[in-house]
PDB file of all heavy atoms in Angstrom:
ATOM      1  N   PRO A   1     -11.708  13.734  15.079  1.00  0.00           N
ATOM      2  CA  PRO A   1     -12.212  13.636  13.697  1.00  0.00           C
ATOM      3  C   PRO A   1     -11.218  12.879  12.784  1.00  0.00           C
ATOM      4  O   PRO A   1     -10.000  13.007  13.024  1.00  0.00           O
ATOM      5  CB  PRO A   1     -12.436  15.055  13.227  1.00  0.00           C
ATOM      6  CG  PRO A   1     -11.581  15.858  14.146  1.00  0.00           C
ATOM      7  CD  PRO A   1     -11.516  15.105  15.460  1.00  0.00           C
ATOM      8  N   PHE A   2     -11.715  12.205  11.758  1.00  0.00           N
ATOM      9  CA  PHE A   2     -10.823  11.488  10.848  1.00  0.00           C
ATOM     10  C   PHE A   2     -11.516  11.395   9.516  1.00  0.00           C
ATOM     11  O   PHE A   2     -12.674  11.696   9.343  1.00  0.00           O
ATOM     12  CB  PHE A   2     -10.489  10.088  11.392  1.00  0.00           C
ATOM     13  CG  PHE A   2     -11.668   9.160  11.555  1.00  0.00           C
ATOM     14  CD1 PHE A   2     -12.017   8.238  10.548  1.00  0.00           C
ATOM     15  CD2 PHE A   2     -12.454   9.167  12.713  1.00  0.00           C
ATOM     16  CE1 PHE A   2     -13.075   7.393  10.688  1.00  0.00           C
ATOM     17  CE2 PHE A   2     -13.519   8.326  12.875  1.00  0.00           C
ATOM     18  CZ  PHE A   2     -13.820   7.423  11.839  1.00  0.00           C
ATOM     19  N   ARG A   3     -10.696  10.983   8.491  1.00  0.00           N
ATOM     20  CA  ARG A   3     -11.219  10.751   7.194  1.00  0.00           C
ATOM     21  C   ARG A   3     -10.944   9.269   6.853  1.00  0.00           C
ATOM     22  O   ARG A   3      -9.978   8.683   7.254  1.00  0.00           O
ATOM     23  CB  ARG A   3     -10.541  11.667   6.170  1.00  0.00           C
ATOM     24  CG  ARG A   3     -10.822  13.132   6.392  1.00  0.00           C
ATOM     25  CD  ARG A   3     -10.181  14.032   5.389  1.00  0.00           C
ATOM     26  NE  ARG A   3     -10.749  13.834   4.040  1.00  0.00           N
ATOM     27  CZ  ARG A   3     -11.876  14.333   3.591  1.00  0.00           C
ATOM     28  NH1 ARG A   3     -12.590  15.106   4.409  1.00  0.00           N
ATOM     29  NH2 ARG A   3     -12.307  14.119   2.348  1.00  0.00           N
ATOM     30  N   ILE A   4     -11.913   8.684   6.116  1.00  0.00           N
ATOM     31  CA  ILE A   4     -11.840   7.248   5.762  1.00  0.00           C
ATOM     32  C   ILE A   4     -12.293   7.081   4.344  1.00  0.00           C
ATOM     33  O   ILE A   4     -13.161   7.816   3.870  1.00  0.00           O
ATOM     34  CB  ILE A   4     -12.626   6.397   6.761  1.00  0.00           C
ATOM     35  CG1 ILE A   4     -12.340   4.884   6.548  1.00  0.00           C
ATOM     36  CG2 ILE A   4     -14.098   6.704   6.696  1.00  0.00           C
ATOM     37  CD1 ILE A   4     -12.884   4.008   7.665  1.00  0.00           C
ATOM     38  N   ASP A   5     -11.681   6.137   3.649  1.00  0.00           N
ATOM     39  CA  ASP A   5     -12.060   5.876   2.268  1.00  0.00           C
ATOM     40  C   ASP A   5     -13.560   5.542   2.148  1.00  0.00           C
ATOM     41  O   ASP A   5     -14.073   4.755   2.944  1.00  0.00           O
ATOM     42  CB  ASP A   5     -11.267   4.728   1.665  1.00  0.00           C
ATOM     43  CG  ASP A   5      -9.784   5.080   1.467  1.00  0.00           C
ATOM     44  OD1 ASP A   5      -9.433   6.253   1.629  1.00  0.00           O
ATOM     45  OD2 ASP A   5      -8.969   4.180   1.154  1.00  0.00           O
ATOM     46  N   ALA A   6     -14.176   6.071   1.078  1.00  0.00           N
ATOM     47  CA  ALA A   6     -15.582   5.772   0.836  1.00  0.00           C
ATOM     48  C   ALA A   6     -15.784   4.359   0.369  1.00  0.00           C
ATOM     49  O   ALA A   6     -16.893   3.813   0.485  1.00  0.00           O
ATOM     50  CB  ALA A   6     -16.159   6.752  -0.154  1.00  0.00           C
ATOM     51  N   THR A   7     -14.744   3.742  -0.189  1.00  0.00           N
ATOM     52  CA  THR A   7     -14.864   2.345  -0.686  1.00  0.00           C
ATOM     53  C   THR A   7     -13.577   1.613  -0.321  1.00  0.00           C
ATOM     54  O   THR A   7     -12.563   2.254  -0.031  1.00  0.00           O
ATOM     55  CB  THR A   7     -15.003   2.297  -2.231  1.00  0.00           C
ATOM     56  OG1 THR A   7     -13.858   2.868  -2.839  1.00  0.00           O
ATOM     57  CG2 THR A   7     -16.260   3.099  -2.684  1.00  0.00           C
ATOM     58  N   PRO A   8     -13.581   0.320  -0.396  1.00  0.00           N
ATOM     59  CA  PRO A   8     -12.306  -0.433  -0.215  1.00  0.00           C
ATOM     60  C   PRO A   8     -11.350  -0.108  -1.340  1.00  0.00           C
ATOM     61  O   PRO A   8     -11.741   0.326  -2.437  1.00  0.00           O
ATOM     62  CB  PRO A   8     -12.739  -1.916  -0.290  1.00  0.00           C
ATOM     63  CG  PRO A   8     -14.218  -1.923  -0.042  1.00  0.00           C
ATOM     64  CD  PRO A   8     -14.744  -0.604  -0.611  1.00  0.00           C
ATOM     65  N   VAL A   9     -10.063  -0.341  -1.091  1.00  0.00           N
ATOM     66  CA  VAL A   9      -9.037  -0.115  -2.089  1.00  0.00           C
ATOM     67  C   VAL A   9      -9.254  -1.129  -3.215  1.00  0.00           C
ATOM     68  O   VAL A   9      -9.460  -2.313  -2.978  1.00  0.00           O
ATOM     69  CB  VAL A   9      -7.648  -0.289  -1.494  1.00  0.00           C
ATOM     70  CG1 VAL A   9      -6.530  -0.305  -2.567  1.00  0.00           C
ATOM     71  CG2 VAL A   9      -7.380   0.884  -0.477  1.00  0.00           C
ATOM     72  N   CYS A  10      -9.246  -0.647  -4.482  1.00  0.00           N
ATOM     73  CA  CYS A  10      -9.530  -1.503  -5.580  1.00  0.00           C
ATOM     74  C   CYS A  10      -8.253  -2.091  -6.228  1.00  0.00           C
ATOM     75  O   CYS A  10      -7.129  -1.632  -5.948  1.00  0.00           O
ATOM     76  CB  CYS A  10     -10.329  -0.769  -6.654  1.00  0.00           C
ATOM     77  SG  CYS A  10      -9.433   0.526  -7.494  1.00  0.00           S
ATOM     78  N   ASN A  11      -8.428  -3.099  -7.103  1.00  0.00           N
ATOM     79  CA  ASN A  11      -7.296  -3.739  -7.769  1.00  0.00           C
ATOM     80  C   ASN A  11      -6.461  -2.731  -8.567  1.00  0.00           C
ATOM     81  O   ASN A  11      -5.188  -2.826  -8.571  1.00  0.00           O
ATOM     82  CB  ASN A  11      -7.787  -4.827  -8.682  1.00  0.00           C
ATOM     83  CG  ASN A  11      -8.272  -6.053  -7.885  1.00  0.00           C
ATOM     84  OD1 ASN A  11      -7.766  -6.395  -6.853  1.00  0.00           O
ATOM     85  ND2 ASN A  11      -9.281  -6.747  -8.466  1.00  0.00           N
ATOM     86  N   ALA A  12      -7.098  -1.829  -9.261  1.00  0.00           N
ATOM     87  CA  ALA A  12      -6.328  -0.871 -10.084  1.00  0.00           C
ATOM     88  C   ALA A  12      -5.431  -0.019  -9.235  1.00  0.00           C
ATOM     89  O   ALA A  12      -4.255   0.181  -9.613  1.00  0.00           O
ATOM     90  CB  ALA A  12      -7.325   0.029 -10.856  1.00  0.00           C
ATOM     91  N   ASP A  13      -5.925   0.448  -8.115  1.00  0.00           N
ATOM     92  CA  ASP A  13      -5.089   1.298  -7.237  1.00  0.00           C
ATOM     93  C   ASP A  13      -3.942   0.469  -6.607  1.00  0.00           C
ATOM     94  O   ASP A  13      -2.851   0.900  -6.466  1.00  0.00           O
ATOM     95  CB  ASP A  13      -5.925   1.918  -6.133  1.00  0.00           C
ATOM     96  CG  ASP A  13      -6.831   3.045  -6.703  1.00  0.00           C
ATOM     97  OD1 ASP A  13      -6.523   3.533  -7.803  1.00  0.00           O
ATOM     98  OD2 ASP A  13      -7.792   3.408  -5.999  1.00  0.00           O
ATOM     99  N   TYR A  14      -4.290  -0.797  -6.242  1.00  0.00           N
ATOM    100  CA  TYR A  14      -3.270  -1.643  -5.661  1.00  0.00           C
ATOM    101  C   TYR A  14      -2.171  -1.958  -6.669  1.00  0.00           C
ATOM    102  O   TYR A  14      -0.963  -2.067  -6.345  1.00  0.00           O
ATOM    103  CB  TYR A  14      -3.845  -2.918  -5.054  1.00  0.00           C
ATOM    104  CG  TYR A  14      -2.933  -3.554  -4.097  1.00  0.00           C
ATOM    105  CD1 TYR A  14      -2.888  -3.200  -2.764  1.00  0.00           C
ATOM    106  CD2 TYR A  14      -2.050  -4.567  -4.530  1.00  0.00           C
ATOM    107  CE1 TYR A  14      -2.023  -3.800  -1.855  1.00  0.00           C
ATOM    108  CE2 TYR A  14      -1.169  -5.149  -3.633  1.00  0.00           C
ATOM    109  CZ  TYR A  14      -1.160  -4.757  -2.283  1.00  0.00           C
ATOM    110  OH  TYR A  14      -0.244  -5.343  -1.435  1.00  0.00           O
ATOM    111  N   ALA A  15      -2.591  -2.158  -7.932  1.00  0.00           N
ATOM    112  CA  ALA A  15      -1.634  -2.453  -9.001  1.00  0.00           C
ATOM    113  C   ALA A  15      -0.637  -1.285  -9.167  1.00  0.00           C
ATOM    114  O   ALA A  15       0.513  -1.483  -9.546  1.00  0.00           O
ATOM    115  CB  ALA A  15      -2.354  -2.774 -10.307  1.00  0.00           C
ATOM    116  N   GLN A  16      -1.117  -0.046  -8.917  1.00  0.00           N
ATOM    117  CA  GLN A  16      -0.203   1.115  -9.005  1.00  0.00           C
ATOM    118  C   GLN A  16       0.857   1.026  -7.918  1.00  0.00           C
ATOM    119  O   GLN A  16       2.036   1.378  -8.149  1.00  0.00           O
ATOM    120  CB  GLN A  16      -1.020   2.367  -8.841  1.00  0.00           C
ATOM    121  CG  GLN A  16      -1.892   2.721 -10.005  1.00  0.00           C
ATOM    122  CD  GLN A  16      -2.674   4.004  -9.849  1.00  0.00           C
ATOM    123  OE1 GLN A  16      -2.328   4.843  -8.999  1.00  0.00           O
ATOM    124  NE2 GLN A  16      -3.675   4.193 -10.657  1.00  0.00           N
ATOM    125  N   PHE A  17       0.513   0.582  -6.741  1.00  0.00           N
ATOM    126  CA  PHE A  17       1.476   0.358  -5.693  1.00  0.00           C
ATOM    127  C   PHE A  17       2.534  -0.661  -6.099  1.00  0.00           C
ATOM    128  O   PHE A  17       3.733  -0.430  -5.882  1.00  0.00           O
ATOM    129  CB  PHE A  17       0.740  -0.120  -4.413  1.00  0.00           C
ATOM    130  CG  PHE A  17       1.600  -0.643  -3.328  1.00  0.00           C
ATOM    131  CD1 PHE A  17       2.480   0.144  -2.667  1.00  0.00           C
ATOM    132  CD2 PHE A  17       1.485  -1.970  -2.870  1.00  0.00           C
ATOM    133  CE1 PHE A  17       3.272  -0.326  -1.613  1.00  0.00           C
ATOM    134  CE2 PHE A  17       2.233  -2.466  -1.850  1.00  0.00           C
ATOM    135  CZ  PHE A  17       3.167  -1.643  -1.212  1.00  0.00           C
ATOM    136  N   ILE A  18       2.126  -1.744  -6.745  1.00  0.00           N
ATOM    137  CA  ILE A  18       3.081  -2.706  -7.222  1.00  0.00           C
ATOM    138  C   ILE A  18       3.969  -2.118  -8.289  1.00  0.00           C
ATOM    139  O   ILE A  18       5.197  -2.250  -8.255  1.00  0.00           O
ATOM    140  CB  ILE A  18       2.319  -3.949  -7.794  1.00  0.00           C
ATOM    141  CG1 ILE A  18       1.465  -4.603  -6.717  1.00  0.00           C
ATOM    142  CG2 ILE A  18       3.330  -4.962  -8.380  1.00  0.00           C
ATOM    143  CD1 ILE A  18       0.564  -5.735  -7.267  1.00  0.00           C
ATOM    144  N   ALA A  19       3.355  -1.415  -9.260  1.00  0.00           N
ATOM    145  CA  ALA A  19       4.090  -0.796 -10.353  1.00  0.00           C
ATOM    146  C   ALA A  19       5.111   0.259  -9.874  1.00  0.00           C
ATOM    147  O   ALA A  19       6.175   0.420 -10.464  1.00  0.00           O
ATOM    148  CB  ALA A  19       3.153  -0.190 -11.358  1.00  0.00           C
ATOM    149  N   ALA A  20       4.801   0.875  -8.777  1.00  0.00           N
ATOM    150  CA  ALA A  20       5.661   1.936  -8.238  1.00  0.00           C
ATOM    151  C   ALA A  20       6.808   1.303  -7.383  1.00  0.00           C
ATOM    152  O   ALA A  20       7.581   2.045  -6.799  1.00  0.00           O
ATOM    153  CB  ALA A  20       4.865   2.899  -7.363  1.00  0.00           C
ATOM    154  N   GLY A  21       6.905   0.004  -7.361  1.00  0.00           N
ATOM    155  CA  GLY A  21       7.955  -0.659  -6.620  1.00  0.00           C
ATOM    156  C   GLY A  21       7.684  -0.800  -5.110  1.00  0.00           C
ATOM    157  O   GLY A  21       8.562  -0.947  -4.306  1.00  0.00           O
ATOM    158  N   GLY A  22       6.405  -0.792  -4.773  1.00  0.00           N
ATOM    159  CA  GLY A  22       6.062  -0.824  -3.350  1.00  0.00           C
ATOM    160  C   GLY A  22       6.535  -2.050  -2.620  1.00  0.00           C
ATOM    161  O   GLY A  22       6.813  -2.010  -1.416  1.00  0.00           O
ATOM    162  N   TYR A  23       6.603  -3.177  -3.369  1.00  0.00           N
ATOM    163  CA  TYR A  23       7.036  -4.403  -2.682  1.00  0.00           C
ATOM    164  C   TYR A  23       8.570  -4.441  -2.518  1.00  0.00           C
ATOM    165  O   TYR A  23       9.073  -5.326  -1.833  1.00  0.00           O
ATOM    166  CB  TYR A  23       6.582  -5.654  -3.483  1.00  0.00           C
ATOM    167  CG  TYR A  23       5.191  -6.048  -3.190  1.00  0.00           C
ATOM    168  CD1 TYR A  23       4.076  -5.430  -3.769  1.00  0.00           C
ATOM    169  CD2 TYR A  23       4.876  -7.084  -2.282  1.00  0.00           C
ATOM    170  CE1 TYR A  23       2.789  -5.798  -3.491  1.00  0.00           C
ATOM    171  CE2 TYR A  23       3.617  -7.468  -2.001  1.00  0.00           C
ATOM    172  CZ  TYR A  23       2.549  -6.834  -2.597  1.00  0.00           C
ATOM    173  OH  TYR A  23       1.259  -7.202  -2.292  1.00  0.00           O
ATOM    174  N   ASP A  24       9.260  -3.542  -3.150  1.00  0.00           N
ATOM    175  CA  ASP A  24      10.708  -3.530  -3.043  1.00  0.00           C
ATOM    176  C   ASP A  24      11.252  -2.355  -2.202  1.00  0.00           C
ATOM    177  O   ASP A  24      12.461  -2.168  -2.132  1.00  0.00           O
ATOM    178  CB  ASP A  24      11.329  -3.464  -4.447  1.00  0.00           C
ATOM    179  CG  ASP A  24      11.019  -4.699  -5.251  1.00  0.00           C
ATOM    180  OD1 ASP A  24      11.182  -5.811  -4.725  1.00  0.00           O
ATOM    181  OD2 ASP A  24      10.594  -4.567  -6.402  1.00  0.00           O
ATOM    182  N   ASP A  25      10.335  -1.569  -1.640  1.00  0.00           N
ATOM    183  CA  ASP A  25      10.728  -0.335  -0.931  1.00  0.00           C
ATOM    184  C   ASP A  25      10.471  -0.541   0.572  1.00  0.00           C
ATOM    185  O   ASP A  25       9.350  -0.489   1.018  1.00  0.00           O
ATOM    186  CB  ASP A  25       9.946   0.863  -1.449  1.00  0.00           C
ATOM    187  CG  ASP A  25      10.587   2.187  -0.968  1.00  0.00           C
ATOM    188  OD1 ASP A  25      11.178   2.209   0.112  1.00  0.00           O
ATOM    189  OD2 ASP A  25      10.416   3.219  -1.722  1.00  0.00           O
ATOM    190  N   GLN A  26      11.510  -0.737   1.325  1.00  0.00           N
ATOM    191  CA  GLN A  26      11.416  -1.039   2.753  1.00  0.00           C
ATOM    192  C   GLN A  26      10.757   0.036   3.533  1.00  0.00           C
ATOM    193  O   GLN A  26      10.210  -0.200   4.606  1.00  0.00           O
ATOM    194  CB  GLN A  26      12.801  -1.342   3.297  1.00  0.00           C
ATOM    195  CG  GLN A  26      12.814  -1.858   4.718  1.00  0.00           C
ATOM    196  CD  GLN A  26      14.225  -2.262   5.187  1.00  0.00           C
ATOM    197  OE1 GLN A  26      15.155  -2.227   4.429  1.00  0.00           O
ATOM    198  NE2 GLN A  26      14.351  -2.661   6.433  1.00  0.00           N
ATOM    199  N   ARG A  27      10.763   1.292   3.036  1.00  0.00           N
ATOM    200  CA  ARG A  27      10.193   2.434   3.746  1.00  0.00           C
ATOM    201  C   ARG A  27       8.738   2.193   4.151  1.00  0.00           C
ATOM    202  O   ARG A  27       8.299   2.709   5.142  1.00  0.00           O
ATOM    203  CB  ARG A  27      10.282   3.696   2.929  1.00  0.00           C
ATOM    204  CG  ARG A  27      11.641   4.285   2.743  1.00  0.00           C
ATOM    205  CD  ARG A  27      11.549   5.543   1.845  1.00  0.00           C
ATOM    206  NE  ARG A  27      11.007   5.210   0.520  1.00  0.00           N
ATOM    207  CZ  ARG A  27      10.553   6.139  -0.318  1.00  0.00           C
ATOM    208  NH1 ARG A  27      10.543   7.440   0.065  1.00  0.00           N
ATOM    209  NH2 ARG A  27      10.142   5.820  -1.508  1.00  0.00           N
ATOM    210  N   TRP A  28       7.991   1.469   3.338  1.00  0.00           N
ATOM    211  CA  TRP A  28       6.562   1.365   3.505  1.00  0.00           C
ATOM    212  C   TRP A  28       6.173   0.191   4.447  1.00  0.00           C
ATOM    213  O   TRP A  28       5.044   0.100   4.847  1.00  0.00           O
ATOM    214  CB  TRP A  28       5.866   1.164   2.190  1.00  0.00           C
ATOM    215  CG  TRP A  28       6.261   2.091   1.117  1.00  0.00           C
ATOM    216  CD1 TRP A  28       6.751   1.810  -0.130  1.00  0.00           C
ATOM    217  CD2 TRP A  28       6.327   3.537   1.169  1.00  0.00           C
ATOM    218  NE1 TRP A  28       7.041   2.943  -0.833  1.00  0.00           N
ATOM    219  CE2 TRP A  28       6.823   4.033  -0.043  1.00  0.00           C
ATOM    220  CE3 TRP A  28       6.004   4.488   2.217  1.00  0.00           C
ATOM    221  CZ2 TRP A  28       6.981   5.367  -0.313  1.00  0.00           C
ATOM    222  CZ3 TRP A  28       6.182   5.798   1.955  1.00  0.00           C
ATOM    223  CH2 TRP A  28       6.671   6.254   0.715  1.00  0.00           C
ATOM    224  N   TRP A  29       7.147  -0.617   4.813  1.00  0.00           N
ATOM    225  CA  TRP A  29       6.813  -1.884   5.424  1.00  0.00           C
ATOM    226  C   TRP A  29       7.093  -1.891   6.915  1.00  0.00           C
ATOM    227  O   TRP A  29       8.134  -1.355   7.375  1.00  0.00           O
ATOM    228  CB  TRP A  29       7.549  -3.021   4.753  1.00  0.00           C
ATOM    229  CG  TRP A  29       7.085  -3.301   3.379  1.00  0.00           C
ATOM    230  CD1 TRP A  29       7.444  -2.584   2.254  1.00  0.00           C
ATOM    231  CD2 TRP A  29       6.161  -4.274   2.918  1.00  0.00           C
ATOM    232  NE1 TRP A  29       6.768  -3.069   1.161  1.00  0.00           N
ATOM    233  CE2 TRP A  29       6.020  -4.111   1.559  1.00  0.00           C
ATOM    234  CE3 TRP A  29       5.465  -5.248   3.598  1.00  0.00           C
ATOM    235  CZ2 TRP A  29       5.160  -4.917   0.775  1.00  0.00           C
ATOM    236  CZ3 TRP A  29       4.614  -6.090   2.832  1.00  0.00           C
ATOM    237  CH2 TRP A  29       4.489  -5.926   1.490  1.00  0.00           C
ATOM    238  N   HIS A  30       6.201  -2.511   7.664  1.00  0.00           N
ATOM    239  CA  HIS A  30       6.471  -2.796   9.080  1.00  0.00           C
ATOM    240  C   HIS A  30       7.675  -3.747   9.091  1.00  0.00           C
ATOM    241  O   HIS A  30       7.860  -4.586   8.235  1.00  0.00           O
ATOM    242  CB  HIS A  30       5.258  -3.548   9.650  1.00  0.00           C
ATOM    243  CG  HIS A  30       5.344  -3.884  11.134  1.00  0.00           C
ATOM    244  ND1 HIS A  30       6.117  -4.851  11.620  1.00  0.00           N
ATOM    245  CD2 HIS A  30       4.704  -3.285  12.162  1.00  0.00           C
ATOM    246  CE1 HIS A  30       5.965  -4.902  12.894  1.00  0.00           C
ATOM    247  NE2 HIS A  30       5.122  -3.985  13.293  1.00  0.00           N
ATOM    248  N   PRO A  31       8.624  -3.566  10.054  1.00  0.00           N
ATOM    249  CA  PRO A  31       9.801  -4.365  10.089  1.00  0.00           C
ATOM    250  C   PRO A  31       9.585  -5.888   9.952  1.00  0.00           C
ATOM    251  O   PRO A  31      10.239  -6.582   9.203  1.00  0.00           O
ATOM    252  CB  PRO A  31      10.552  -4.031  11.375  1.00  0.00           C
ATOM    253  CG  PRO A  31      10.042  -2.626  11.634  1.00  0.00           C
ATOM    254  CD  PRO A  31       8.645  -2.556  11.158  1.00  0.00           C
ATOM    255  N   GLU A  32       8.561  -6.377  10.692  1.00  0.00           N
ATOM    256  CA  GLU A  32       8.260  -7.816  10.612  1.00  0.00           C
ATOM    257  C   GLU A  32       7.662  -8.144   9.261  1.00  0.00           C
ATOM    258  O   GLU A  32       7.877  -9.212   8.722  1.00  0.00           O
ATOM    259  CB  GLU A  32       7.307  -8.193  11.733  1.00  0.00           C
ATOM    260  CG  GLU A  32       7.956  -8.073  13.144  1.00  0.00           C
ATOM    261  CD  GLU A  32       6.941  -8.392  14.234  1.00  0.00           C
ATOM    262  OE1 GLU A  32       5.791  -8.778  13.906  1.00  0.00           O
ATOM    263  OE2 GLU A  32       7.323  -8.272  15.410  1.00  0.00           O
ATOM    264  N   GLY A  33       6.891  -7.218   8.713  1.00  0.00           N
ATOM    265  CA  GLY A  33       6.329  -7.443   7.372  1.00  0.00           C
ATOM    266  C   GLY A  33       7.375  -7.465   6.301  1.00  0.00           C
ATOM    267  O   GLY A  33       7.276  -8.278   5.324  1.00  0.00           O
ATOM    268  N   TRP A  34       8.382  -6.600   6.418  1.00  0.00           N
ATOM    269  CA  TRP A  34       9.446  -6.574   5.459  1.00  0.00           C
ATOM    270  C   TRP A  34      10.246  -7.917   5.466  1.00  0.00           C
ATOM    271  O   TRP A  34      10.566  -8.476   4.440  1.00  0.00           O
ATOM    272  CB  TRP A  34      10.398  -5.407   5.699  1.00  0.00           C
ATOM    273  CG  TRP A  34      11.515  -5.306   4.740  1.00  0.00           C
ATOM    274  CD1 TRP A  34      12.881  -5.476   4.994  1.00  0.00           C
ATOM    275  CD2 TRP A  34      11.452  -4.944   3.348  1.00  0.00           C
ATOM    276  NE1 TRP A  34      13.591  -5.309   3.863  1.00  0.00           N
ATOM    277  CE2 TRP A  34      12.777  -5.017   2.834  1.00  0.00           C
ATOM    278  CE3 TRP A  34      10.380  -4.724   2.494  1.00  0.00           C
ATOM    279  CZ2 TRP A  34      13.045  -4.723   1.499  1.00  0.00           C
ATOM    280  CZ3 TRP A  34      10.674  -4.437   1.157  1.00  0.00           C
ATOM    281  CH2 TRP A  34      11.996  -4.441   0.683  1.00  0.00           C
ATOM    282  N   ALA A  35      10.512  -8.442   6.674  1.00  0.00           N
ATOM    283  CA  ALA A  35      11.208  -9.698   6.814  1.00  0.00           C
ATOM    284  C   ALA A  35      10.360 -10.830   6.208  1.00  0.00           C
ATOM    285  O   ALA A  35      10.908 -11.684   5.498  1.00  0.00           O
ATOM    286  CB  ALA A  35      11.515  -9.998   8.291  1.00  0.00           C
TER     287      ALA A  35
END
């Protein structure tokens, strides 16, 4: 069993990831993606 989002991720939620420093935090990134 699993859970899945009822809708695609929206711009507002993605903007929160940016505002939280998601693009600058290596913890969230695949090593090749970070490079």
